[in-house]
C-alpha cells in the first residue's frame, strides 16, 4: 500500500509540475509598468510645444504729469501726454501643460495725439483658461518718442508691465493653444515705468 501511495504521489507531482511552472511564469511576468499619462492642453492637444504668433492691436495711452526715470519732460497737469495707437506684435509661446511662457516684440505708431511711435520687447507668462484662452502677465522694456516735442525729439525708455487675456472659444469654431491654433481676441492693459502711464489695447492674435 505504501509503495502504491508513493507511486501515486509521484505521478501527481509529475503532472502538477508543468502547471506550477506555468503559473510561476505568469506570476513573474505579471508586473507591468503603466505608461505615464501624456501632458495635454484643455482642448486635448499636446501640452508641450512651440507656438509662434502675430497680433494687430489698437488702443490709447496717457502719461501722467510726474517726473520719471525716463526723463520725459513735464507738461501741465490738465494737458497730459496722450494719443491713439496702432500696434504690431510678433512673438512665441512655449506651452508647459496648464501654464505657458513666451516672449514678444512690438512696434506702435501714433495715429493721433502726442505719441509719434514706440517699440519694445517683453516676456509673457501665464495660465490657460478653458479650451483656448490665456490669462497672462508681462514684463519688458519700451522706448517711446513723442510727436509733441518735434522731429528731433529723443526716445524715452523704461521698464513696462502689463496683464491681459486671449480668448477664442471652440464653440464658435476657434482652436486651442497647441495644435488647433487660430485667431483669438486679445485684450491688454500695460504701463510705462512705475505706473506712469495707462495703456489699454484690444486686437486680434493669430497663432500658428
N, C-alpha and C. Protein backbone atom coordinates (compact mmCIF):
# COMPACT_ATOMS: atom_id res chain seq x y z
N UNK A 1 0.84 -1.20 0.00
CA UNK A 1 0.00 0.00 0.00
C UNK A 1 0.87 1.25 0.00
N UNK A 2 1.93 1.21 0.88
CA UNK A 2 2.82 2.36 0.92
C UNK A 2 3.49 2.58 -0.42
N UNK A 3 3.87 1.47 -1.08
CA UNK A 3 4.53 1.61 -2.38
C UNK A 3 3.57 2.21 -3.40
N UNK A 4 2.27 1.78 -3.34
CA UNK A 4 1.27 2.30 -4.27
C UNK A 4 1.02 3.78 -4.03
N UNK A 5 0.98 4.18 -2.76
CA UNK A 5 0.78 5.59 -2.40
C UNK A 5 1.93 6.44 -2.90
N UNK A 6 3.15 5.89 -2.76
CA UNK A 6 4.34 6.62 -3.21
C UNK A 6 4.31 6.83 -4.71
N UNK A 7 3.91 5.78 -5.45
CA UNK A 7 3.84 5.89 -6.91
C UNK A 7 2.78 6.90 -7.32
N UNK A 8 1.61 6.87 -6.63
CA UNK A 8 0.53 7.83 -6.94
C UNK A 8 0.96 9.25 -6.66
N UNK A 9 1.64 9.48 -5.53
CA UNK A 9 2.11 10.82 -5.18
C UNK A 9 3.11 11.33 -6.19
N UNK A 10 3.99 10.43 -6.64
CA UNK A 10 4.99 10.83 -7.65
C UNK A 10 4.30 11.22 -8.95
N UNK A 11 3.24 10.46 -9.32
CA UNK A 11 2.52 10.76 -10.56
C UNK A 11 1.83 12.11 -10.47
N UNK A 12 1.19 12.41 -9.32
CA UNK A 12 0.53 13.71 -9.14
C UNK A 12 1.54 14.84 -9.22
N UNK A 13 2.69 14.66 -8.56
CA UNK A 13 3.73 15.69 -8.58
C UNK A 13 4.25 15.93 -9.99
N UNK A 14 4.44 14.84 -10.74
CA UNK A 14 4.94 14.95 -12.11
C UNK A 14 3.95 15.69 -13.00
N UNK A 15 2.64 15.38 -12.76
CA UNK A 15 1.60 16.04 -13.56
C UNK A 15 1.45 17.51 -13.18
N UNK A 16 1.59 17.83 -11.91
CA UNK A 16 1.38 19.20 -11.44
C UNK A 16 2.56 20.12 -11.73
N UNK A 17 3.75 19.53 -11.92
CA UNK A 17 4.95 20.36 -12.10
C UNK A 17 4.84 21.33 -13.27
N UNK A 18 4.43 20.87 -14.47
CA UNK A 18 4.32 21.83 -15.58
C UNK A 18 3.33 22.94 -15.29
N UNK A 19 2.18 22.60 -14.67
CA UNK A 19 1.18 23.62 -14.35
C UNK A 19 1.74 24.63 -13.37
N UNK A 20 2.44 24.17 -12.35
CA UNK A 20 3.06 25.05 -11.37
C UNK A 20 4.07 25.98 -12.03
N UNK A 21 4.88 25.39 -12.93
CA UNK A 21 5.88 26.19 -13.63
C UNK A 21 5.21 27.27 -14.48
N UNK A 22 4.07 26.88 -15.11
CA UNK A 22 3.35 27.85 -15.94
C UNK A 22 2.80 28.98 -15.08
N UNK A 23 2.24 28.61 -13.92
CA UNK A 23 1.71 29.63 -13.02
C UNK A 23 2.81 30.55 -12.53
N UNK A 24 3.97 29.96 -12.23
CA UNK A 24 5.09 30.77 -11.76
C UNK A 24 5.52 31.75 -12.82
N UNK A 25 5.50 31.29 -14.08
CA UNK A 25 5.89 32.18 -15.17
C UNK A 25 4.92 33.33 -15.31
N UNK A 26 3.61 33.02 -15.17
CA UNK A 26 2.59 34.06 -15.28
C UNK A 26 2.76 35.08 -14.17
N UNK A 27 2.98 34.58 -12.95
CA UNK A 27 3.18 35.49 -11.82
C UNK A 27 4.41 36.35 -12.03
N UNK A 28 5.45 35.78 -12.57
CA UNK A 28 6.69 36.50 -12.77
C UNK A 28 6.54 37.58 -13.83
N UNK A 29 5.73 37.25 -14.85
CA UNK A 29 5.56 38.21 -15.95
C UNK A 29 4.46 39.22 -15.68
N UNK A 30 3.69 39.03 -14.59
CA UNK A 30 2.52 39.84 -14.36
C UNK A 30 2.81 41.33 -14.17
N UNK A 31 3.83 41.68 -13.36
CA UNK A 31 4.04 43.12 -13.12
C UNK A 31 4.37 43.85 -14.42
N UNK A 32 3.64 44.89 -14.68
CA UNK A 32 3.89 45.73 -15.86
C UNK A 32 3.92 47.19 -15.43
N UNK A 33 4.60 48.00 -16.18
CA UNK A 33 4.70 49.42 -15.88
C UNK A 33 3.75 50.19 -16.80
N UNK A 34 2.79 50.88 -16.20
CA UNK A 34 1.85 51.65 -17.00
C UNK A 34 2.55 52.89 -17.56
N UNK A 35 2.33 53.22 -18.83
CA UNK A 35 2.95 54.42 -19.39
C UNK A 35 2.44 55.67 -18.69
N UNK A 36 3.32 56.63 -18.49
CA UNK A 36 2.93 57.88 -17.83
C UNK A 36 1.94 58.63 -18.71
N UNK A 37 0.88 59.19 -18.12
CA UNK A 37 -0.10 59.91 -18.92
C UNK A 37 0.53 61.13 -19.59
N UNK A 38 0.18 61.37 -20.84
CA UNK A 38 0.73 62.50 -21.58
C UNK A 38 0.15 63.80 -21.05
N UNK A 39 0.97 64.85 -21.05
CA UNK A 39 0.51 66.17 -20.64
C UNK A 39 -0.30 66.76 -21.79
N UNK A 40 -1.52 67.18 -21.50
CA UNK A 40 -2.37 67.71 -22.56
C UNK A 40 -2.89 69.09 -22.18
N UNK A 41 -3.26 69.85 -23.21
CA UNK A 41 -3.89 71.14 -23.03
C UNK A 41 -5.37 70.93 -22.75
N UNK A 42 -6.07 71.98 -22.30
CA UNK A 42 -7.51 71.82 -22.05
C UNK A 42 -8.30 71.37 -23.27
N UNK A 43 -7.80 71.63 -24.48
CA UNK A 43 -8.52 71.21 -25.68
C UNK A 43 -8.15 69.80 -26.11
N UNK A 44 -7.32 69.10 -25.33
CA UNK A 44 -6.96 67.72 -25.62
C UNK A 44 -5.74 67.55 -26.49
N UNK A 45 -5.15 68.64 -26.98
CA UNK A 45 -3.95 68.54 -27.81
C UNK A 45 -2.72 68.46 -26.91
N UNK A 46 -1.55 68.31 -27.53
CA UNK A 46 -0.30 68.18 -26.78
C UNK A 46 -0.08 69.38 -25.87
N UNK A 47 0.33 69.11 -24.64
CA UNK A 47 0.51 70.18 -23.67
C UNK A 47 1.86 70.84 -23.72
N UNK A 48 2.76 70.36 -24.54
CA UNK A 48 4.11 70.93 -24.62
C UNK A 48 4.43 71.18 -26.08
N UNK A 49 4.93 72.36 -26.40
CA UNK A 49 5.23 72.66 -27.80
C UNK A 49 5.86 74.03 -27.97
N UNK A 50 5.82 74.53 -29.20
CA UNK A 50 6.35 75.85 -29.54
C UNK A 50 5.36 76.48 -30.51
N UNK A 51 4.90 77.67 -30.20
CA UNK A 51 3.84 78.28 -30.98
C UNK A 51 4.13 79.75 -31.29
N UNK A 52 4.51 80.08 -32.51
CA UNK A 52 4.68 81.49 -32.90
C UNK A 52 3.33 82.16 -33.16
N UNK A 53 3.30 83.48 -33.06
CA UNK A 53 2.06 84.20 -33.32
C UNK A 53 2.36 85.63 -33.77
N UNK A 54 1.38 86.25 -34.40
CA UNK A 54 1.42 87.66 -34.75
C UNK A 54 0.12 88.28 -34.25
N UNK A 55 0.16 89.58 -33.97
CA UNK A 55 -1.03 90.26 -33.47
C UNK A 55 -1.07 91.69 -34.00
N UNK A 56 -2.28 92.20 -34.17
CA UNK A 56 -2.51 93.60 -34.52
C UNK A 56 -3.50 94.15 -33.49
N UNK A 57 -3.11 95.25 -32.85
CA UNK A 57 -3.94 95.81 -31.79
C UNK A 57 -4.07 97.32 -31.95
N UNK A 58 -5.12 97.85 -31.38
CA UNK A 58 -5.32 99.29 -31.35
C UNK A 58 -5.68 99.72 -29.95
N UNK A 59 -5.36 100.97 -29.62
CA UNK A 59 -5.68 101.44 -28.28
C UNK A 59 -5.25 102.87 -28.06
N UNK A 60 -4.99 103.16 -26.82
CA UNK A 60 -4.75 104.55 -26.41
C UNK A 60 -3.84 104.53 -25.19
N UNK A 61 -3.01 105.56 -25.04
CA UNK A 61 -2.13 105.65 -23.88
C UNK A 61 -2.09 107.08 -23.38
N UNK A 62 -2.13 107.21 -22.06
CA UNK A 62 -1.99 108.52 -21.43
C UNK A 62 -0.92 108.46 -20.36
N UNK A 63 -0.01 109.44 -20.37
CA UNK A 63 1.08 109.53 -19.41
C UNK A 63 0.69 110.52 -18.30
N UNK A 64 1.23 110.28 -17.10
CA UNK A 64 0.93 111.20 -16.01
C UNK A 64 1.85 112.42 -16.08
N UNK A 65 1.69 113.29 -15.10
CA UNK A 65 2.47 114.54 -15.10
C UNK A 65 3.55 114.54 -14.03
N UNK A 66 4.09 113.37 -13.72
CA UNK A 66 5.15 113.25 -12.72
C UNK A 66 6.50 113.02 -13.39
N UNK A 67 7.54 113.48 -12.75
CA UNK A 67 8.88 113.25 -13.27
C UNK A 67 9.24 111.77 -13.09
N UNK A 68 9.82 111.17 -14.13
CA UNK A 68 10.15 109.75 -14.10
C UNK A 68 11.62 109.52 -14.39
N UNK A 69 12.07 108.28 -14.21
CA UNK A 69 13.46 107.94 -14.53
C UNK A 69 13.75 108.10 -16.01
N UNK A 70 12.73 107.96 -16.83
CA UNK A 70 12.93 108.08 -18.28
C UNK A 70 13.26 109.51 -18.69
N UNK A 71 12.91 110.50 -17.87
CA UNK A 71 13.22 111.88 -18.18
C UNK A 71 12.25 112.57 -19.12
N UNK A 72 11.02 112.06 -19.24
CA UNK A 72 10.02 112.68 -20.10
C UNK A 72 9.72 114.09 -19.57
N UNK A 73 9.79 115.11 -20.42
CA UNK A 73 9.52 116.48 -19.97
C UNK A 73 8.13 116.62 -19.35
N UNK A 74 8.04 117.44 -18.29
CA UNK A 74 6.76 117.64 -17.62
C UNK A 74 5.88 118.58 -18.43
N UNK A 75 4.59 118.30 -18.41
CA UNK A 75 3.61 119.18 -19.04
C UNK A 75 2.56 119.52 -18.00
N UNK A 76 1.67 120.41 -18.34
CA UNK A 76 0.64 120.83 -17.39
C UNK A 76 -0.24 119.65 -17.00
N UNK A 77 -0.67 119.63 -15.75
CA UNK A 77 -1.46 118.51 -15.25
C UNK A 77 -2.79 118.36 -15.99
N UNK A 78 -3.31 119.46 -16.51
CA UNK A 78 -4.57 119.38 -17.24
C UNK A 78 -4.35 119.18 -18.74
N UNK A 79 -3.10 118.87 -19.12
CA UNK A 79 -2.77 118.69 -20.55
C UNK A 79 -1.77 117.55 -20.67
N UNK A 80 -2.15 116.37 -20.23
CA UNK A 80 -1.25 115.22 -20.18
C UNK A 80 -0.95 114.67 -21.57
N UNK A 81 0.28 114.13 -21.72
CA UNK A 81 0.66 113.48 -22.98
C UNK A 81 -0.21 112.26 -23.21
N UNK A 82 -0.79 112.15 -24.40
CA UNK A 82 -1.64 111.00 -24.70
C UNK A 82 -1.81 110.88 -26.21
N UNK A 83 -2.35 109.73 -26.65
CA UNK A 83 -2.60 109.54 -28.06
C UNK A 83 -3.13 108.16 -28.39
N UNK A 84 -3.75 108.03 -29.56
CA UNK A 84 -4.24 106.75 -30.06
C UNK A 84 -3.12 106.03 -30.80
N UNK A 85 -3.12 104.68 -30.72
CA UNK A 85 -2.02 103.87 -31.26
C UNK A 85 -2.54 102.70 -32.09
N UNK A 86 -1.74 102.29 -33.07
CA UNK A 86 -1.91 101.01 -33.75
C UNK A 86 -0.61 100.24 -33.54
N UNK A 87 -0.72 98.97 -33.12
CA UNK A 87 0.45 98.19 -32.71
C UNK A 87 0.53 96.86 -33.46
N UNK A 88 1.74 96.50 -33.88
CA UNK A 88 2.01 95.19 -34.45
C UNK A 88 2.92 94.41 -33.53
N UNK A 89 2.65 93.10 -33.37
CA UNK A 89 3.38 92.26 -32.41
C UNK A 89 3.78 90.96 -33.09
N UNK A 90 4.99 90.49 -32.81
CA UNK A 90 5.47 89.17 -33.24
C UNK A 90 6.04 88.48 -32.01
N UNK A 91 5.63 87.24 -31.77
CA UNK A 91 6.12 86.55 -30.58
C UNK A 91 5.94 85.05 -30.66
N UNK A 92 6.20 84.38 -29.54
CA UNK A 92 6.02 82.93 -29.47
C UNK A 92 5.64 82.52 -28.05
N UNK A 93 4.90 81.42 -27.97
CA UNK A 93 4.56 80.79 -26.69
C UNK A 93 5.24 79.43 -26.59
N UNK A 94 5.60 79.04 -25.37
CA UNK A 94 6.08 77.69 -25.09
C UNK A 94 5.12 77.09 -24.05
N UNK A 95 4.10 76.34 -24.50
CA UNK A 95 3.16 75.72 -23.56
C UNK A 95 3.84 74.66 -22.71
N UNK A 96 3.52 74.65 -21.42
CA UNK A 96 4.07 73.68 -20.47
C UNK A 96 2.92 73.14 -19.62
N UNK A 97 2.11 72.27 -20.22
CA UNK A 97 0.94 71.76 -19.51
C UNK A 97 -0.08 72.86 -19.31
N UNK A 98 -0.50 73.13 -18.07
CA UNK A 98 -1.54 74.14 -17.83
C UNK A 98 -1.02 75.57 -17.85
N UNK A 99 0.29 75.77 -17.96
CA UNK A 99 0.87 77.11 -17.98
C UNK A 99 1.65 77.32 -19.27
N UNK A 100 2.16 78.54 -19.47
CA UNK A 100 2.98 78.81 -20.64
C UNK A 100 3.92 79.97 -20.34
N UNK A 101 5.02 80.05 -21.09
CA UNK A 101 5.93 81.18 -21.07
C UNK A 101 6.17 81.59 -22.52
N UNK A 102 6.70 82.78 -22.72
CA UNK A 102 6.95 83.23 -24.08
C UNK A 102 7.59 84.59 -24.10
N UNK A 103 7.79 85.12 -25.30
CA UNK A 103 8.39 86.43 -25.48
C UNK A 103 7.82 87.06 -26.75
N UNK A 104 7.86 88.39 -26.83
CA UNK A 104 7.34 89.08 -27.99
C UNK A 104 8.02 90.44 -28.16
N UNK A 105 8.01 90.92 -29.40
CA UNK A 105 8.48 92.25 -29.72
C UNK A 105 7.34 93.03 -30.35
N UNK A 106 7.33 94.35 -30.18
CA UNK A 106 6.21 95.15 -30.67
C UNK A 106 6.69 96.49 -31.21
N UNK A 107 5.94 97.03 -32.16
CA UNK A 107 6.15 98.36 -32.70
C UNK A 107 4.79 99.04 -32.79
N UNK A 108 4.69 100.26 -32.28
CA UNK A 108 3.43 101.01 -32.31
C UNK A 108 3.62 102.34 -33.01
N UNK A 109 2.58 102.78 -33.69
CA UNK A 109 2.59 104.08 -34.37
C UNK A 109 1.41 104.91 -33.87
N UNK A 110 1.70 106.15 -33.48
CA UNK A 110 0.63 107.04 -33.05
C UNK A 110 -0.18 107.51 -34.25
N UNK A 111 -1.49 107.45 -34.15
CA UNK A 111 -2.35 107.90 -35.26
C UNK A 111 -3.04 109.21 -34.93
N UNK A 112 -2.99 109.62 -33.68
CA UNK A 112 -3.48 110.93 -33.28
C UNK A 112 -2.91 111.26 -31.90
N UNK A 113 -2.81 112.53 -31.57
CA UNK A 113 -2.33 112.91 -30.25
C UNK A 113 -0.83 113.16 -30.21
N UNK A 114 -0.23 112.96 -29.03
CA UNK A 114 1.14 113.37 -28.75
C UNK A 114 2.20 112.32 -29.05
N UNK A 115 1.83 111.06 -29.22
CA UNK A 115 2.80 109.97 -29.38
C UNK A 115 3.10 109.76 -30.85
N UNK A 116 4.39 109.75 -31.20
CA UNK A 116 4.79 109.50 -32.58
C UNK A 116 4.86 107.99 -32.83
N UNK A 117 5.72 107.30 -32.09
CA UNK A 117 5.84 105.84 -32.20
C UNK A 117 6.55 105.30 -30.98
N UNK A 118 6.48 103.98 -30.80
CA UNK A 118 7.28 103.33 -29.75
C UNK A 118 7.57 101.89 -30.17
N UNK A 119 8.53 101.28 -29.50
CA UNK A 119 8.86 99.88 -29.75
C UNK A 119 9.42 99.27 -28.47
N UNK A 120 9.39 97.94 -28.39
CA UNK A 120 9.87 97.29 -27.18
C UNK A 120 9.83 95.78 -27.29
N UNK A 121 10.21 95.13 -26.21
CA UNK A 121 10.19 93.67 -26.12
C UNK A 121 9.79 93.30 -24.70
N UNK A 122 9.15 92.13 -24.56
CA UNK A 122 8.67 91.71 -23.25
C UNK A 122 8.59 90.19 -23.17
N UNK A 123 8.67 89.67 -21.96
CA UNK A 123 8.41 88.27 -21.70
C UNK A 123 7.00 88.11 -21.18
N UNK A 124 6.36 87.00 -21.55
CA UNK A 124 5.00 86.72 -21.09
C UNK A 124 4.98 85.40 -20.30
N UNK A 125 4.07 85.32 -19.36
CA UNK A 125 3.90 84.09 -18.58
C UNK A 125 2.46 84.07 -18.08
N UNK A 126 1.88 82.87 -18.03
CA UNK A 126 0.51 82.82 -17.56
C UNK A 126 -0.06 81.42 -17.55
N UNK A 127 -1.37 81.35 -17.51
CA UNK A 127 -2.08 80.08 -17.43
C UNK A 127 -3.09 79.98 -18.56
N UNK A 128 -3.46 78.75 -18.88
CA UNK A 128 -4.51 78.51 -19.87
C UNK A 128 -5.86 78.62 -19.19
N UNK A 129 -6.83 79.10 -19.95
CA UNK A 129 -8.18 79.27 -19.41
C UNK A 129 -9.18 78.65 -20.38
N UNK A 130 -9.88 77.62 -19.94
CA UNK A 130 -10.86 76.98 -20.81
C UNK A 130 -10.21 76.25 -21.96
N UNK A 131 -10.95 76.14 -23.07
CA UNK A 131 -10.46 75.39 -24.22
C UNK A 131 -9.36 76.10 -24.96
N UNK A 132 -9.41 77.43 -25.06
CA UNK A 132 -8.45 78.10 -25.92
C UNK A 132 -8.03 79.47 -25.39
N UNK A 133 -8.30 79.75 -24.14
CA UNK A 133 -7.97 81.07 -23.60
C UNK A 133 -6.65 81.12 -22.87
N UNK A 134 -6.14 82.32 -22.67
CA UNK A 134 -4.92 82.58 -21.92
C UNK A 134 -5.16 83.76 -20.99
N UNK A 135 -4.59 83.69 -19.80
CA UNK A 135 -4.53 84.83 -18.89
C UNK A 135 -3.06 85.01 -18.55
N UNK A 136 -2.51 86.21 -18.75
CA UNK A 136 -1.07 86.35 -18.65
C UNK A 136 -0.64 87.67 -18.02
N UNK A 137 0.60 87.68 -17.56
CA UNK A 137 1.29 88.89 -17.16
C UNK A 137 2.49 89.07 -18.07
N UNK A 138 3.03 90.28 -18.13
CA UNK A 138 4.19 90.53 -18.98
C UNK A 138 5.08 91.59 -18.34
N UNK A 139 6.38 91.45 -18.60
CA UNK A 139 7.38 92.40 -18.12
C UNK A 139 8.36 92.63 -19.27
N UNK A 140 8.68 93.89 -19.55
CA UNK A 140 9.58 94.17 -20.65
C UNK A 140 10.21 95.55 -20.57
N UNK A 141 10.65 96.03 -21.74
CA UNK A 141 11.30 97.33 -21.83
C UNK A 141 10.77 98.02 -23.08
N UNK A 142 10.51 99.33 -22.98
CA UNK A 142 9.91 100.03 -24.10
C UNK A 142 10.54 101.41 -24.29
N UNK A 143 10.62 101.81 -25.55
CA UNK A 143 11.11 103.12 -25.95
C UNK A 143 9.95 103.89 -26.58
N UNK A 144 9.78 105.16 -26.24
CA UNK A 144 8.68 105.95 -26.80
C UNK A 144 9.21 107.30 -27.28
N UNK A 145 8.65 107.74 -28.40
CA UNK A 145 9.01 109.03 -28.99
C UNK A 145 7.73 109.86 -29.13
N UNK A 146 7.81 111.13 -28.77
CA UNK A 146 6.63 112.00 -28.76
C UNK A 146 6.66 113.00 -29.91
N UNK A 147 5.62 112.99 -30.72
CA UNK A 147 5.49 113.96 -31.81
C UNK A 147 5.37 115.37 -31.26
N UNK A 148 4.86 115.50 -30.06
CA UNK A 148 4.64 116.82 -29.46
C UNK A 148 5.95 117.58 -29.25
N UNK A 149 7.06 116.87 -29.09
CA UNK A 149 8.34 117.52 -28.83
C UNK A 149 9.15 117.77 -30.09
N UNK A 150 8.55 117.58 -31.25
CA UNK A 150 9.23 117.90 -32.51
C UNK A 150 9.94 116.70 -33.13
N UNK A 151 10.38 116.89 -34.37
CA UNK A 151 11.01 115.81 -35.13
C UNK A 151 12.34 115.36 -34.54
N UNK A 152 13.00 116.23 -33.81
CA UNK A 152 14.30 115.90 -33.24
C UNK A 152 14.21 115.36 -31.81
N UNK A 153 13.00 115.07 -31.36
CA UNK A 153 12.81 114.57 -30.01
C UNK A 153 13.50 113.22 -29.83
N UNK A 154 14.11 113.02 -28.70
CA UNK A 154 14.78 111.75 -28.44
C UNK A 154 13.79 110.71 -27.96
N UNK A 155 14.23 109.44 -27.89
CA UNK A 155 13.42 108.35 -27.36
C UNK A 155 13.57 108.28 -25.85
N UNK A 156 12.48 108.01 -25.16
CA UNK A 156 12.48 107.86 -23.71
C UNK A 156 12.20 106.39 -23.40
N UNK A 157 12.99 105.80 -22.53
CA UNK A 157 12.89 104.36 -22.31
C UNK A 157 12.79 104.02 -20.82
N UNK A 158 12.02 102.97 -20.56
CA UNK A 158 11.85 102.50 -19.18
C UNK A 158 11.21 101.11 -19.21
N UNK A 159 11.20 100.45 -18.06
CA UNK A 159 10.53 99.16 -17.92
C UNK A 159 9.03 99.32 -18.18
N UNK A 160 8.40 98.23 -18.64
CA UNK A 160 6.96 98.22 -18.83
C UNK A 160 6.37 96.96 -18.22
N UNK A 161 5.16 97.08 -17.69
CA UNK A 161 4.49 95.96 -17.02
C UNK A 161 3.06 95.90 -17.54
N UNK A 162 2.52 94.70 -17.61
CA UNK A 162 1.15 94.59 -18.09
C UNK A 162 0.51 93.27 -17.75
N UNK A 163 -0.77 93.18 -18.06
CA UNK A 163 -1.55 91.96 -17.87
C UNK A 163 -2.62 91.91 -18.94
N UNK A 164 -3.02 90.71 -19.33
CA UNK A 164 -4.02 90.62 -20.38
C UNK A 164 -4.64 89.25 -20.50
N UNK A 165 -5.40 89.07 -21.57
CA UNK A 165 -6.09 87.81 -21.83
C UNK A 165 -6.18 87.59 -23.33
N UNK A 166 -6.34 86.32 -23.69
CA UNK A 166 -6.69 85.94 -25.06
C UNK A 166 -7.83 84.94 -24.96
N UNK A 167 -8.78 85.03 -25.87
CA UNK A 167 -9.93 84.13 -25.82
C UNK A 167 -10.38 83.81 -27.24
N UNK A 168 -10.70 82.53 -27.47
CA UNK A 168 -11.20 82.07 -28.76
C UNK A 168 -11.94 80.78 -28.57
N UNK A 169 -13.16 80.82 -28.01
CA UNK A 169 -13.88 79.59 -27.65
C UNK A 169 -14.10 78.66 -28.83
N UNK A 170 -13.94 77.37 -28.58
CA UNK A 170 -14.10 76.37 -29.63
C UNK A 170 -15.54 76.31 -30.15
N UNK A 171 -16.49 76.72 -29.34
CA UNK A 171 -17.87 76.61 -29.79
C UNK A 171 -18.22 77.62 -30.88
N UNK A 172 -17.32 78.54 -31.21
CA UNK A 172 -17.54 79.41 -32.37
C UNK A 172 -16.49 79.11 -33.45
N UNK A 173 -15.90 77.91 -33.35
CA UNK A 173 -15.03 77.43 -34.42
C UNK A 173 -13.57 77.78 -34.29
N UNK A 174 -13.14 78.36 -33.16
CA UNK A 174 -11.74 78.70 -32.98
C UNK A 174 -11.05 77.63 -32.16
N UNK A 175 -9.72 77.51 -32.34
CA UNK A 175 -9.00 76.40 -31.74
C UNK A 175 -8.29 76.74 -30.45
N UNK A 176 -7.52 75.77 -29.97
CA UNK A 176 -6.79 75.91 -28.72
C UNK A 176 -5.38 76.42 -28.93
N UNK A 177 -4.56 76.33 -27.90
CA UNK A 177 -3.23 76.95 -27.96
C UNK A 177 -2.21 76.08 -28.69
N UNK A 178 -2.36 74.76 -28.64
CA UNK A 178 -1.37 73.89 -29.27
C UNK A 178 -2.06 72.98 -30.27
N UNK A 179 -1.61 72.99 -31.50
CA UNK A 179 -2.14 72.06 -32.49
C UNK A 179 -3.39 72.55 -33.19
N UNK A 180 -4.31 73.16 -32.46
CA UNK A 180 -5.55 73.63 -33.05
C UNK A 180 -5.63 75.16 -32.98
N UNK A 181 -4.51 75.82 -33.22
CA UNK A 181 -4.44 77.26 -33.03
C UNK A 181 -5.26 78.01 -34.07
N UNK A 182 -5.61 79.25 -33.76
CA UNK A 182 -6.36 80.07 -34.69
C UNK A 182 -6.36 81.51 -34.24
N UNK A 183 -7.31 82.28 -34.75
CA UNK A 183 -7.43 83.69 -34.40
C UNK A 183 -8.16 83.83 -33.07
N UNK A 184 -7.62 84.66 -32.19
CA UNK A 184 -8.27 84.88 -30.90
C UNK A 184 -8.29 86.38 -30.57
N UNK A 185 -9.27 86.78 -29.80
CA UNK A 185 -9.36 88.15 -29.32
C UNK A 185 -8.35 88.35 -28.19
N UNK A 186 -7.63 89.47 -28.23
CA UNK A 186 -6.63 89.76 -27.19
C UNK A 186 -6.88 91.14 -26.60
N UNK A 187 -6.91 91.22 -25.29
CA UNK A 187 -7.04 92.48 -24.58
C UNK A 187 -5.91 92.61 -23.57
N UNK A 188 -5.44 93.83 -23.37
CA UNK A 188 -4.26 94.03 -22.51
C UNK A 188 -4.27 95.44 -21.93
N UNK A 189 -3.77 95.55 -20.71
CA UNK A 189 -3.52 96.84 -20.07
C UNK A 189 -2.08 96.84 -19.60
N UNK A 190 -1.32 97.89 -19.95
CA UNK A 190 0.08 97.96 -19.54
C UNK A 190 0.42 99.38 -19.09
N UNK A 191 1.61 99.53 -18.55
CA UNK A 191 2.04 100.83 -18.05
C UNK A 191 3.51 101.06 -18.36
N UNK A 192 3.90 102.31 -18.45
CA UNK A 192 5.29 102.71 -18.71
C UNK A 192 5.93 103.10 -17.39
N UNK A 193 7.01 102.41 -17.02
CA UNK A 193 7.64 102.68 -15.74
C UNK A 193 6.78 102.22 -14.58
N UNK A 194 6.91 102.88 -13.45
CA UNK A 194 6.15 102.51 -12.25
C UNK A 194 4.79 103.19 -12.28
N UNK A 195 3.92 102.66 -13.13
CA UNK A 195 2.55 103.17 -13.28
C UNK A 195 2.52 104.64 -13.69
N UNK A 196 3.40 105.02 -14.61
CA UNK A 196 3.43 106.41 -15.11
C UNK A 196 2.63 106.59 -16.39
N UNK A 197 1.97 105.53 -16.84
CA UNK A 197 1.04 105.68 -17.96
C UNK A 197 -0.04 104.60 -17.84
N UNK A 198 -1.12 104.82 -18.58
CA UNK A 198 -2.21 103.86 -18.64
C UNK A 198 -2.46 103.56 -20.12
N UNK A 199 -2.35 102.27 -20.51
CA UNK A 199 -2.36 101.89 -21.93
C UNK A 199 -3.28 100.69 -22.16
N UNK A 200 -4.57 100.86 -22.39
CA UNK A 200 -5.45 99.75 -22.75
C UNK A 200 -5.38 99.49 -24.26
N UNK A 201 -5.30 98.20 -24.64
CA UNK A 201 -5.21 97.81 -26.05
C UNK A 201 -6.13 96.62 -26.30
N UNK A 202 -6.66 96.55 -27.52
CA UNK A 202 -7.54 95.45 -27.90
C UNK A 202 -7.28 95.10 -29.37
N UNK A 203 -7.24 93.79 -29.69
CA UNK A 203 -6.98 93.40 -31.06
C UNK A 203 -7.13 91.91 -31.28
N UNK A 204 -6.53 91.42 -32.36
CA UNK A 204 -6.62 90.01 -32.74
C UNK A 204 -5.23 89.41 -32.81
N UNK A 205 -5.10 88.17 -32.34
CA UNK A 205 -3.86 87.41 -32.39
C UNK A 205 -4.06 86.16 -33.25
N UNK A 206 -3.13 85.90 -34.15
CA UNK A 206 -3.17 84.69 -34.96
C UNK A 206 -2.03 83.78 -34.58
N UNK A 207 -2.33 82.57 -34.10
CA UNK A 207 -1.33 81.60 -33.68
C UNK A 207 -1.13 80.56 -34.78
N UNK A 208 0.10 80.08 -34.92
CA UNK A 208 0.43 79.13 -35.98
C UNK A 208 0.81 77.78 -35.39
